Amino acid sequence: NECIGIIGESGSGKTTFVDILLGLLKPTEGKVFINNELLSEKAYNFSGNIGYLPQEPLVLEESIKTNIALEQDESKIDDKKIQDCIQKANLEKVISKLPKGTKTLIGANGVRLSGGQNKRLALARTFYHGKKFIIMDEATSSLDINAENYIAKEIESIKGKVTIIIISHSKNIMKHCDKIYEVKDKSIFLSK
């Protein structure tokens, strides 16, 4: 339930580190332990508890509501939870301006929304699914300072309840981390 920051120059291996944590890549050397258990032995249980917010989030050619819940059957979507996640991701104002609100189709690759709004949509999805482990890979990189501050506030509100790993160049976001690690020369060092 800590908030961990990962910093490092471009190309240093931050995203590769996340890909190893997600089980997308296997390390060529060394081992990864989560709570003193070898990752490969608990990967199945672990991967189902991860909410991953990549640099370029997946946005479906569907409605806002479907994109958040990842569910086509509207009867299975919790509307109250959708509204709560929209508020947490600071999307209320954006959605209020859309012709059909949460039922608005946002087009291929989220064409109706800006890059920053698509990231907030993906963040709302992460909140909706209530994962115990959240990985944010440059999740605030295309947000303006007000949106970034709002997301930082939400990070602060869930801190201690879930484990958060944040890869970012933003000092504003990193100040919310309990520990910061730097990826350098193919190694990871405690920075803070």
N, C-alpha and C. Protein backbone atom coordinates (compact mmCIF):
# COMPACT_ATOMS: atom_id res chain seq x y z
N ASN A 1 0.81 -1.22 0.00
CA ASN A 1 0.00 0.00 0.00
C ASN A 1 0.85 1.27 0.00
N GLU A 2 2.03 1.18 -0.56
CA GLU A 2 2.88 2.36 -0.69
C GLU A 2 2.68 2.99 -2.06
N CYS A 3 3.11 4.23 -2.17
CA CYS A 3 3.14 4.94 -3.45
C CYS A 3 4.61 5.06 -3.83
N ILE A 4 4.98 4.38 -4.90
CA ILE A 4 6.38 4.29 -5.33
C ILE A 4 6.56 5.06 -6.63
N GLY A 5 7.57 5.90 -6.68
CA GLY A 5 7.90 6.63 -7.89
C GLY A 5 9.08 5.98 -8.59
N ILE A 6 9.03 5.99 -9.90
CA ILE A 6 10.14 5.48 -10.72
C ILE A 6 10.56 6.62 -11.65
N ILE A 7 11.83 7.01 -11.55
CA ILE A 7 12.35 8.06 -12.41
C ILE A 7 13.55 7.52 -13.20
N GLY A 8 13.94 8.27 -14.20
CA GLY A 8 15.09 7.89 -15.01
C GLY A 8 15.00 8.57 -16.35
N GLU A 9 16.12 8.67 -17.00
CA GLU A 9 16.16 9.31 -18.32
C GLU A 9 15.37 8.49 -19.32
N SER A 10 14.97 9.11 -20.43
CA SER A 10 14.30 8.39 -21.51
C SER A 10 15.22 7.28 -22.00
N GLY A 11 14.65 6.09 -22.17
CA GLY A 11 15.43 4.96 -22.65
C GLY A 11 16.19 4.22 -21.56
N SER A 12 16.02 4.63 -20.30
CA SER A 12 16.77 3.99 -19.20
C SER A 12 16.20 2.63 -18.80
N GLY A 13 14.95 2.35 -19.17
CA GLY A 13 14.36 1.05 -18.85
C GLY A 13 13.16 1.10 -17.92
N LYS A 14 12.59 2.29 -17.70
CA LYS A 14 11.44 2.40 -16.79
C LYS A 14 10.25 1.58 -17.28
N THR A 15 9.91 1.74 -18.55
CA THR A 15 8.76 1.02 -19.10
C THR A 15 9.07 -0.48 -19.18
N THR A 16 10.30 -0.85 -19.47
CA THR A 16 10.69 -2.26 -19.48
C THR A 16 10.48 -2.86 -18.09
N PHE A 17 10.86 -2.11 -17.06
CA PHE A 17 10.65 -2.55 -15.68
C PHE A 17 9.16 -2.84 -15.43
N VAL A 18 8.30 -1.93 -15.89
CA VAL A 18 6.85 -2.12 -15.73
C VAL A 18 6.39 -3.34 -16.52
N ASP A 19 6.89 -3.51 -17.73
CA ASP A 19 6.52 -4.67 -18.54
C ASP A 19 6.90 -5.98 -17.84
N ILE A 20 8.00 -5.98 -17.12
CA ILE A 20 8.40 -7.17 -16.34
C ILE A 20 7.42 -7.38 -15.19
N LEU A 21 7.08 -6.30 -14.49
CA LEU A 21 6.10 -6.41 -13.39
C LEU A 21 4.76 -6.94 -13.89
N LEU A 22 4.35 -6.48 -15.06
CA LEU A 22 3.07 -6.91 -15.63
C LEU A 22 3.10 -8.33 -16.18
N GLY A 23 4.31 -8.91 -16.25
CA GLY A 23 4.43 -10.25 -16.79
C GLY A 23 4.49 -10.28 -18.31
N LEU A 24 4.62 -9.11 -18.94
CA LEU A 24 4.70 -9.04 -20.40
C LEU A 24 6.09 -9.43 -20.89
N LEU A 25 7.09 -9.22 -20.05
CA LEU A 25 8.46 -9.61 -20.36
C LEU A 25 9.00 -10.44 -19.20
N LYS A 26 9.85 -11.38 -19.52
CA LYS A 26 10.53 -12.15 -18.47
C LYS A 26 11.94 -11.59 -18.34
N PRO A 27 12.41 -11.40 -17.11
CA PRO A 27 13.77 -10.88 -16.94
C PRO A 27 14.80 -11.88 -17.45
N THR A 28 15.84 -11.36 -18.10
CA THR A 28 16.90 -12.24 -18.59
C THR A 28 17.87 -12.60 -17.47
N GLU A 29 17.91 -11.76 -16.45
CA GLU A 29 18.74 -12.03 -15.27
C GLU A 29 17.95 -11.62 -14.03
N GLY A 30 18.28 -12.20 -12.91
CA GLY A 30 17.66 -11.80 -11.65
C GLY A 30 16.25 -12.32 -11.50
N LYS A 31 15.63 -11.93 -10.40
CA LYS A 31 14.28 -12.37 -10.08
C LYS A 31 13.49 -11.19 -9.53
N VAL A 32 12.18 -11.24 -9.71
CA VAL A 32 11.29 -10.20 -9.19
C VAL A 32 10.43 -10.82 -8.11
N PHE A 33 10.44 -10.18 -6.93
CA PHE A 33 9.63 -10.66 -5.81
C PHE A 33 8.58 -9.63 -5.47
N ILE A 34 7.37 -10.08 -5.22
CA ILE A 34 6.28 -9.23 -4.75
C ILE A 34 5.90 -9.77 -3.38
N ASN A 35 6.04 -8.93 -2.35
CA ASN A 35 5.76 -9.37 -0.98
C ASN A 35 6.47 -10.69 -0.65
N ASN A 36 7.75 -10.75 -0.98
CA ASN A 36 8.61 -11.90 -0.70
C ASN A 36 8.23 -13.17 -1.45
N GLU A 37 7.36 -13.07 -2.46
CA GLU A 37 7.02 -14.23 -3.29
C GLU A 37 7.53 -13.97 -4.69
N LEU A 38 8.12 -15.00 -5.30
CA LEU A 38 8.64 -14.89 -6.65
C LEU A 38 7.48 -14.57 -7.60
N LEU A 39 7.64 -13.53 -8.39
CA LEU A 39 6.57 -13.06 -9.27
C LEU A 39 6.04 -14.17 -10.18
N SER A 40 6.91 -14.97 -10.77
CA SER A 40 6.46 -16.00 -11.71
C SER A 40 5.56 -17.04 -11.03
N GLU A 41 5.70 -17.24 -9.74
CA GLU A 41 4.88 -18.20 -9.01
C GLU A 41 3.51 -17.65 -8.64
N LYS A 42 3.38 -16.34 -8.61
CA LYS A 42 2.08 -15.77 -8.25
C LYS A 42 1.54 -14.86 -9.33
N ALA A 43 2.13 -14.94 -10.52
CA ALA A 43 1.76 -14.02 -11.60
C ALA A 43 0.27 -14.05 -11.91
N TYR A 44 -0.35 -15.22 -11.87
CA TYR A 44 -1.77 -15.31 -12.21
C TYR A 44 -2.61 -14.48 -11.24
N ASN A 45 -2.42 -14.66 -9.94
CA ASN A 45 -3.18 -13.90 -8.94
C ASN A 45 -2.84 -12.42 -8.98
N PHE A 46 -1.57 -12.13 -9.18
CA PHE A 46 -1.10 -10.76 -9.17
C PHE A 46 -1.66 -9.97 -10.35
N SER A 47 -1.59 -10.54 -11.55
CA SER A 47 -1.98 -9.79 -12.75
C SER A 47 -3.46 -9.39 -12.74
N GLY A 48 -4.30 -10.16 -12.11
CA GLY A 48 -5.72 -9.82 -12.04
C GLY A 48 -6.01 -8.65 -11.11
N ASN A 49 -5.04 -8.26 -10.33
CA ASN A 49 -5.23 -7.16 -9.38
C ASN A 49 -4.55 -5.86 -9.81
N ILE A 50 -4.06 -5.83 -11.06
CA ILE A 50 -3.33 -4.65 -11.53
C ILE A 50 -4.22 -3.78 -12.41
N GLY A 51 -4.22 -2.49 -12.10
CA GLY A 51 -4.79 -1.49 -12.99
C GLY A 51 -3.63 -0.78 -13.64
N TYR A 52 -3.53 -0.86 -14.96
CA TYR A 52 -2.39 -0.29 -15.69
C TYR A 52 -2.83 0.88 -16.53
N LEU A 53 -2.20 2.01 -16.31
CA LEU A 53 -2.49 3.23 -17.06
C LEU A 53 -1.24 3.55 -17.89
N PRO A 54 -1.22 3.12 -19.16
CA PRO A 54 -0.03 3.30 -19.98
C PRO A 54 0.11 4.74 -20.50
N GLN A 55 1.24 5.00 -21.15
CA GLN A 55 1.49 6.31 -21.73
C GLN A 55 0.41 6.66 -22.74
N GLU A 56 0.04 5.70 -23.56
CA GLU A 56 -1.02 5.89 -24.55
C GLU A 56 -2.14 4.91 -24.23
N PRO A 57 -3.15 5.35 -23.49
CA PRO A 57 -4.20 4.42 -23.06
C PRO A 57 -5.07 3.92 -24.20
N LEU A 58 -5.58 2.72 -24.02
CA LEU A 58 -6.51 2.13 -24.97
C LEU A 58 -7.86 2.82 -24.82
N VAL A 59 -8.37 3.33 -25.93
CA VAL A 59 -9.69 3.95 -25.93
C VAL A 59 -10.50 3.24 -27.02
N LEU A 60 -11.63 2.71 -26.63
CA LEU A 60 -12.49 1.96 -27.55
C LEU A 60 -13.39 2.89 -28.33
N GLU A 61 -13.79 2.46 -29.50
CA GLU A 61 -14.73 3.22 -30.33
C GLU A 61 -16.15 2.94 -29.81
N GLU A 62 -16.37 3.38 -28.58
CA GLU A 62 -17.61 3.11 -27.85
C GLU A 62 -17.99 4.36 -27.07
N SER A 63 -18.97 4.22 -26.19
CA SER A 63 -19.40 5.34 -25.35
C SER A 63 -18.41 5.54 -24.20
N ILE A 64 -18.51 6.70 -23.56
CA ILE A 64 -17.71 6.98 -22.37
C ILE A 64 -17.96 5.89 -21.33
N LYS A 65 -19.23 5.59 -21.11
CA LYS A 65 -19.62 4.60 -20.09
C LYS A 65 -18.99 3.24 -20.37
N THR A 66 -19.05 2.77 -21.62
CA THR A 66 -18.48 1.48 -21.99
C THR A 66 -16.96 1.51 -21.84
N ASN A 67 -16.33 2.62 -22.18
CA ASN A 67 -14.89 2.74 -22.05
C ASN A 67 -14.45 2.67 -20.59
N ILE A 68 -15.24 3.18 -19.70
CA ILE A 68 -14.88 3.13 -18.28
C ILE A 68 -15.14 1.74 -17.71
N ALA A 69 -16.32 1.20 -17.95
CA ALA A 69 -16.70 -0.09 -17.35
C ALA A 69 -16.15 -1.30 -18.12
N LEU A 70 -15.77 -1.09 -19.37
CA LEU A 70 -15.36 -2.18 -20.25
C LEU A 70 -16.43 -3.27 -20.29
N GLU A 71 -17.67 -2.81 -20.42
CA GLU A 71 -18.83 -3.70 -20.42
C GLU A 71 -19.84 -3.18 -21.44
N GLN A 72 -20.26 -4.05 -22.36
CA GLN A 72 -21.23 -3.66 -23.38
C GLN A 72 -22.68 -3.71 -22.87
N ASP A 73 -22.95 -4.63 -21.96
CA ASP A 73 -24.30 -4.79 -21.42
C ASP A 73 -24.53 -3.72 -20.35
N GLU A 74 -25.33 -2.69 -20.71
CA GLU A 74 -25.55 -1.56 -19.80
C GLU A 74 -26.18 -1.98 -18.48
N SER A 75 -26.92 -3.08 -18.47
CA SER A 75 -27.56 -3.52 -17.23
C SER A 75 -26.52 -4.00 -16.20
N LYS A 76 -25.30 -4.27 -16.65
CA LYS A 76 -24.24 -4.73 -15.75
C LYS A 76 -23.34 -3.59 -15.29
N ILE A 77 -23.63 -2.38 -15.76
CA ILE A 77 -22.79 -1.22 -15.40
C ILE A 77 -23.40 -0.49 -14.21
N ASP A 78 -22.58 -0.21 -13.23
CA ASP A 78 -22.99 0.51 -12.03
C ASP A 78 -22.88 2.02 -12.30
N ASP A 79 -24.02 2.66 -12.59
CA ASP A 79 -24.02 4.08 -12.97
C ASP A 79 -23.51 4.99 -11.85
N LYS A 80 -23.82 4.65 -10.62
CA LYS A 80 -23.34 5.47 -9.50
C LYS A 80 -21.81 5.40 -9.42
N LYS A 81 -21.29 4.21 -9.61
CA LYS A 81 -19.84 4.02 -9.59
C LYS A 81 -19.19 4.75 -10.77
N ILE A 82 -19.85 4.73 -11.94
CA ILE A 82 -19.34 5.45 -13.12
C ILE A 82 -19.23 6.93 -12.78
N GLN A 83 -20.28 7.51 -12.19
CA GLN A 83 -20.27 8.95 -11.86
C GLN A 83 -19.17 9.27 -10.85
N ASP A 84 -18.99 8.40 -9.87
CA ASP A 84 -17.95 8.60 -8.87
C ASP A 84 -16.56 8.59 -9.52
N CYS A 85 -16.34 7.66 -10.44
CA CYS A 85 -15.03 7.55 -11.11
C CYS A 85 -14.80 8.73 -12.06
N ILE A 86 -15.85 9.22 -12.68
CA ILE A 86 -15.75 10.40 -13.54
C ILE A 86 -15.33 11.60 -12.71
N GLN A 87 -15.92 11.72 -11.53
CA GLN A 87 -15.57 12.82 -10.63
C GLN A 87 -14.12 12.69 -10.17
N LYS A 88 -13.70 11.49 -9.78
CA LYS A 88 -12.33 11.27 -9.31
C LYS A 88 -11.30 11.57 -10.40
N ALA A 89 -11.66 11.29 -11.65
CA ALA A 89 -10.72 11.50 -12.76
C ALA A 89 -10.85 12.91 -13.35
N ASN A 90 -11.68 13.76 -12.73
CA ASN A 90 -11.85 15.15 -13.16
C ASN A 90 -12.36 15.24 -14.60
N LEU A 91 -13.40 14.46 -14.91
CA LEU A 91 -13.99 14.45 -16.25
C LEU A 91 -15.39 15.04 -16.30
N GLU A 92 -15.90 15.49 -15.17
CA GLU A 92 -17.29 15.96 -15.11
C GLU A 92 -17.57 17.08 -16.12
N LYS A 93 -16.72 18.08 -16.15
CA LYS A 93 -16.93 19.22 -17.03
C LYS A 93 -16.88 18.81 -18.50
N VAL A 94 -15.94 17.95 -18.83
CA VAL A 94 -15.79 17.47 -20.21
C VAL A 94 -17.05 16.73 -20.64
N ILE A 95 -17.51 15.81 -19.81
CA ILE A 95 -18.67 14.98 -20.16
C ILE A 95 -19.95 15.81 -20.21
N SER A 96 -20.05 16.82 -19.36
CA SER A 96 -21.26 17.66 -19.36
C SER A 96 -21.42 18.41 -20.69
N LYS A 97 -20.34 18.59 -21.43
CA LYS A 97 -20.39 19.31 -22.71
C LYS A 97 -20.63 18.38 -23.90
N LEU A 98 -20.62 17.08 -23.66
CA LEU A 98 -20.84 16.12 -24.75
C LEU A 98 -22.33 15.97 -25.02
N PRO A 99 -22.73 15.75 -26.27
CA PRO A 99 -24.16 15.71 -26.63
C PRO A 99 -24.99 14.69 -25.87
N LYS A 100 -24.43 13.53 -25.57
CA LYS A 100 -25.19 12.49 -24.87
C LYS A 100 -24.54 12.09 -23.56
N GLY A 101 -23.73 12.98 -22.99
CA GLY A 101 -23.08 12.69 -21.71
C GLY A 101 -22.26 11.42 -21.78
N THR A 102 -22.45 10.51 -20.81
CA THR A 102 -21.67 9.28 -20.76
C THR A 102 -22.02 8.30 -21.87
N LYS A 103 -23.13 8.56 -22.57
CA LYS A 103 -23.54 7.67 -23.67
C LYS A 103 -22.98 8.15 -25.02
N THR A 104 -22.22 9.24 -25.00
CA THR A 104 -21.63 9.77 -26.22
C THR A 104 -20.57 8.81 -26.75
N LEU A 105 -20.68 8.49 -28.04
CA LEU A 105 -19.65 7.68 -28.69
C LEU A 105 -18.45 8.58 -28.92
N ILE A 106 -17.27 8.10 -28.53
CA ILE A 106 -16.11 8.98 -28.60
C ILE A 106 -15.22 8.73 -29.81
N GLY A 107 -15.62 7.81 -30.69
CA GLY A 107 -14.92 7.62 -31.96
C GLY A 107 -13.65 6.81 -31.85
N ALA A 108 -13.10 6.51 -33.01
CA ALA A 108 -11.87 5.71 -33.09
C ALA A 108 -10.75 6.38 -32.33
N ASN A 109 -10.10 5.62 -31.45
CA ASN A 109 -8.99 6.13 -30.63
C ASN A 109 -9.36 7.37 -29.82
N GLY A 110 -10.63 7.49 -29.46
CA GLY A 110 -11.04 8.61 -28.62
C GLY A 110 -10.94 9.96 -29.31
N VAL A 111 -11.23 9.99 -30.62
CA VAL A 111 -11.04 11.20 -31.43
C VAL A 111 -11.83 12.41 -30.91
N ARG A 112 -12.92 12.18 -30.21
CA ARG A 112 -13.71 13.30 -29.68
C ARG A 112 -13.09 13.93 -28.44
N LEU A 113 -12.08 13.27 -27.88
CA LEU A 113 -11.43 13.77 -26.67
C LEU A 113 -9.97 14.11 -26.96
N SER A 114 -9.42 15.01 -26.18
CA SER A 114 -7.99 15.34 -26.31
C SER A 114 -7.17 14.20 -25.71
N GLY A 115 -5.86 14.24 -25.91
CA GLY A 115 -4.97 13.24 -25.33
C GLY A 115 -5.08 13.19 -23.82
N GLY A 116 -5.11 14.37 -23.20
CA GLY A 116 -5.23 14.44 -21.74
C GLY A 116 -6.57 13.91 -21.25
N GLN A 117 -7.64 14.19 -22.00
CA GLN A 117 -8.96 13.70 -21.62
C GLN A 117 -9.04 12.18 -21.76
N ASN A 118 -8.38 11.63 -22.78
CA ASN A 118 -8.33 10.17 -22.94
C ASN A 118 -7.60 9.54 -21.76
N LYS A 119 -6.54 10.20 -21.28
CA LYS A 119 -5.81 9.68 -20.11
C LYS A 119 -6.70 9.70 -18.88
N ARG A 120 -7.48 10.77 -18.73
CA ARG A 120 -8.38 10.83 -17.57
C ARG A 120 -9.49 9.79 -17.68
N LEU A 121 -9.92 9.49 -18.91
CA LEU A 121 -10.90 8.43 -19.14
C LEU A 121 -10.32 7.08 -18.69
N ALA A 122 -9.07 6.83 -19.06
CA ALA A 122 -8.40 5.59 -18.65
C ALA A 122 -8.21 5.55 -17.13
N LEU A 123 -7.96 6.70 -16.52
CA LEU A 123 -7.84 6.76 -15.07
C LEU A 123 -9.18 6.44 -14.41
N ALA A 124 -10.27 6.95 -14.96
CA ALA A 124 -11.61 6.63 -14.44
C ALA A 124 -11.85 5.12 -14.53
N ARG A 125 -11.40 4.50 -15.61
CA ARG A 125 -11.52 3.05 -15.78
C ARG A 125 -10.75 2.33 -14.67
N THR A 126 -9.56 2.81 -14.37
CA THR A 126 -8.75 2.21 -13.31
C THR A 126 -9.48 2.29 -11.97
N PHE A 127 -10.07 3.45 -11.68
CA PHE A 127 -10.82 3.61 -10.44
C PHE A 127 -12.04 2.70 -10.42
N TYR A 128 -12.74 2.58 -11.55
CA TYR A 128 -13.97 1.79 -11.63
C TYR A 128 -13.71 0.33 -11.26
N HIS A 129 -12.60 -0.20 -11.72
CA HIS A 129 -12.34 -1.61 -11.52
C HIS A 129 -11.67 -1.93 -10.18
N GLY A 130 -11.37 -0.90 -9.39
CA GLY A 130 -10.93 -1.06 -8.01
C GLY A 130 -9.77 -2.01 -7.80
N LYS A 131 -8.78 -1.92 -8.64
CA LYS A 131 -7.61 -2.79 -8.51
C LYS A 131 -6.81 -2.43 -7.26
N LYS A 132 -6.11 -3.40 -6.71
CA LYS A 132 -5.32 -3.18 -5.49
C LYS A 132 -3.91 -2.69 -5.81
N PHE A 133 -3.56 -2.71 -7.09
CA PHE A 133 -2.22 -2.35 -7.52
C PHE A 133 -2.37 -1.50 -8.78
N ILE A 134 -1.96 -0.25 -8.73
CA ILE A 134 -2.11 0.65 -9.87
C ILE A 134 -0.74 1.07 -10.37
N ILE A 135 -0.53 0.90 -11.67
CA ILE A 135 0.71 1.33 -12.30
C ILE A 135 0.36 2.44 -13.29
N MET A 136 1.00 3.60 -13.09
CA MET A 136 0.76 4.75 -13.96
C MET A 136 2.06 5.09 -14.69
N ASP A 137 2.10 4.85 -16.00
CA ASP A 137 3.29 5.09 -16.80
C ASP A 137 3.12 6.41 -17.55
N GLU A 138 3.73 7.47 -17.01
CA GLU A 138 3.62 8.82 -17.60
C GLU A 138 2.15 9.21 -17.80
N ALA A 139 1.32 8.83 -16.85
CA ALA A 139 -0.13 9.02 -16.98
C ALA A 139 -0.56 10.48 -16.97
N THR A 140 0.28 11.37 -16.47
CA THR A 140 -0.11 12.78 -16.42
C THR A 140 0.67 13.63 -17.43
N SER A 141 1.41 12.99 -18.33
CA SER A 141 2.31 13.72 -19.22
C SER A 141 1.62 14.71 -20.15
N SER A 142 0.41 14.46 -20.59
CA SER A 142 -0.25 15.40 -21.50
C SER A 142 -1.36 16.20 -20.82
N LEU A 143 -1.33 16.25 -19.50
CA LEU A 143 -2.35 17.00 -18.77
C LEU A 143 -1.84 18.40 -18.45
N ASP A 144 -2.76 19.36 -18.42
CA ASP A 144 -2.36 20.70 -17.98
C ASP A 144 -2.15 20.67 -16.47
N ILE A 145 -1.57 21.72 -15.92
CA ILE A 145 -1.19 21.73 -14.51
C ILE A 145 -2.40 21.57 -13.58
N ASN A 146 -3.56 22.14 -13.94
CA ASN A 146 -4.75 22.00 -13.10
C ASN A 146 -5.24 20.55 -13.06
N ALA A 147 -5.26 19.90 -14.24
CA ALA A 147 -5.68 18.49 -14.29
C ALA A 147 -4.68 17.61 -13.55
N GLU A 148 -3.40 17.92 -13.71
CA GLU A 148 -2.37 17.15 -13.01
C GLU A 148 -2.52 17.30 -11.49
N ASN A 149 -2.79 18.52 -11.04
CA ASN A 149 -2.99 18.75 -9.60
C ASN A 149 -4.19 17.97 -9.09
N TYR A 150 -5.25 17.91 -9.89
CA TYR A 150 -6.45 17.19 -9.50
C TYR A 150 -6.15 15.70 -9.38
N ILE A 151 -5.41 15.15 -10.36
CA ILE A 151 -5.04 13.73 -10.32
C ILE A 151 -4.13 13.47 -9.12
N ALA A 152 -3.22 14.40 -8.85
CA ALA A 152 -2.33 14.26 -7.68
C ALA A 152 -3.15 14.18 -6.40
N LYS A 153 -4.21 14.98 -6.33
CA LYS A 153 -5.10 14.95 -5.16
C LYS A 153 -5.79 13.59 -5.02
N GLU A 154 -6.20 13.02 -6.16
CA GLU A 154 -6.84 11.70 -6.13
C GLU A 154 -5.84 10.61 -5.74
N ILE A 155 -4.60 10.75 -6.21
CA ILE A 155 -3.55 9.81 -5.81
C ILE A 155 -3.39 9.86 -4.29
N GLU A 156 -3.37 11.07 -3.77
CA GLU A 156 -3.23 11.26 -2.32
C GLU A 156 -4.40 10.61 -1.58
N SER A 157 -5.61 10.67 -2.16
CA SER A 157 -6.79 10.12 -1.48
C SER A 157 -6.81 8.59 -1.47
N ILE A 158 -6.16 7.94 -2.44
CA ILE A 158 -6.15 6.47 -2.45
C ILE A 158 -4.85 5.89 -1.89
N LYS A 159 -3.90 6.79 -1.61
CA LYS A 159 -2.63 6.36 -1.04
C LYS A 159 -2.87 5.65 0.29
N GLY A 160 -2.19 4.54 0.49
CA GLY A 160 -2.35 3.78 1.72
C GLY A 160 -3.45 2.73 1.61
N LYS A 161 -4.31 2.85 0.59
CA LYS A 161 -5.39 1.87 0.39
C LYS A 161 -5.02 0.88 -0.71
N VAL A 162 -4.18 1.30 -1.64
CA VAL A 162 -3.72 0.46 -2.74
C VAL A 162 -2.22 0.71 -2.94
N THR A 163 -1.58 -0.16 -3.66
CA THR A 163 -0.18 0.05 -4.03
C THR A 163 -0.17 0.81 -5.35
N ILE A 164 0.62 1.86 -5.40
CA ILE A 164 0.69 2.68 -6.61
C ILE A 164 2.15 2.78 -7.05
N ILE A 165 2.38 2.52 -8.33
CA ILE A 165 3.69 2.76 -8.92
C ILE A 165 3.49 3.83 -9.99
N ILE A 166 4.27 4.90 -9.86
CA ILE A 166 4.14 6.03 -10.78
C ILE A 166 5.47 6.24 -11.50
N ILE A 167 5.42 6.16 -12.81
CA ILE A 167 6.58 6.53 -13.63
C ILE A 167 6.26 7.91 -14.17
N SER A 168 7.11 8.86 -13.85
CA SER A 168 6.82 10.24 -14.27
C SER A 168 8.07 11.10 -14.22
N HIS A 169 8.04 12.15 -15.02
CA HIS A 169 9.08 13.18 -14.95
C HIS A 169 8.58 14.37 -14.14
N SER A 170 7.31 14.32 -13.74
CA SER A 170 6.70 15.44 -13.04
C SER A 170 7.07 15.45 -11.55
N LYS A 171 7.75 16.51 -11.14
CA LYS A 171 8.10 16.65 -9.72
C LYS A 171 6.83 16.83 -8.89
N ASN A 172 5.81 17.44 -9.49
CA ASN A 172 4.54 17.67 -8.82
C ASN A 172 3.90 16.33 -8.41
N ILE A 173 3.96 15.34 -9.28
CA ILE A 173 3.40 14.02 -8.97
C ILE A 173 4.32 13.24 -8.04
N MET A 174 5.61 13.33 -8.28
CA MET A 174 6.58 12.56 -7.49
C MET A 174 6.60 12.95 -6.01
N LYS A 175 6.21 14.17 -5.70
CA LYS A 175 6.24 14.58 -4.29
C LYS A 175 5.22 13.81 -3.45
N HIS A 176 4.30 13.09 -4.08
CA HIS A 176 3.30 12.30 -3.37
C HIS A 176 3.78 10.87 -3.09
N CYS A 177 4.95 10.53 -3.60
CA CYS A 177 5.47 9.16 -3.45
C CYS A 177 6.14 8.96 -2.10
N ASP A 178 5.97 7.77 -1.54
CA ASP A 178 6.64 7.41 -0.29
C ASP A 178 8.12 7.13 -0.53
N LYS A 179 8.40 6.51 -1.66
CA LYS A 179 9.78 6.19 -2.06
C LYS A 179 9.90 6.48 -3.55
N ILE A 180 11.11 6.86 -3.95
CA ILE A 180 11.38 7.07 -5.36
C ILE A 180 12.63 6.28 -5.73
N TYR A 181 12.50 5.50 -6.78
CA TYR A 181 13.62 4.72 -7.30
C TYR A 181 14.04 5.30 -8.64
N GLU A 182 15.33 5.28 -8.90
CA GLU A 182 15.85 5.75 -10.18
C GLU A 182 16.39 4.56 -10.96
N VAL A 183 15.99 4.48 -12.23
CA VAL A 183 16.51 3.46 -13.13
C VAL A 183 17.69 4.10 -13.88
N LYS A 184 18.87 3.49 -13.71
CA LYS A 184 20.08 4.05 -14.31
C LYS A 184 21.08 2.93 -14.55
N ASP A 185 21.67 2.92 -15.72
CA ASP A 185 22.69 1.90 -16.06
C ASP A 185 22.19 0.49 -15.81
N LYS A 186 20.95 0.22 -16.22
CA LYS A 186 20.32 -1.10 -16.10
C LYS A 186 20.17 -1.58 -14.66
N SER A 187 20.15 -0.65 -13.73
CA SER A 187 19.96 -0.97 -12.32
C SER A 187 18.93 -0.02 -11.71
N ILE A 188 18.43 -0.39 -10.55
CA ILE A 188 17.44 0.43 -9.85
C ILE A 188 18.02 0.83 -8.51
N PHE A 189 18.02 2.14 -8.25
CA PHE A 189 18.58 2.68 -7.01
C PHE A 189 17.52 3.45 -6.24
N LEU A 190 17.53 3.33 -4.92
CA LEU A 190 16.64 4.13 -4.09
C LEU A 190 17.13 5.58 -4.15
N SER A 191 16.23 6.48 -4.53
CA SER A 191 16.57 7.88 -4.68
C SER A 191 16.09 8.71 -3.50
N LYS A 192 14.91 8.32 -2.96
CA LYS A 192 14.31 9.07 -1.83
C LYS A 192 13.87 8.09 -0.76
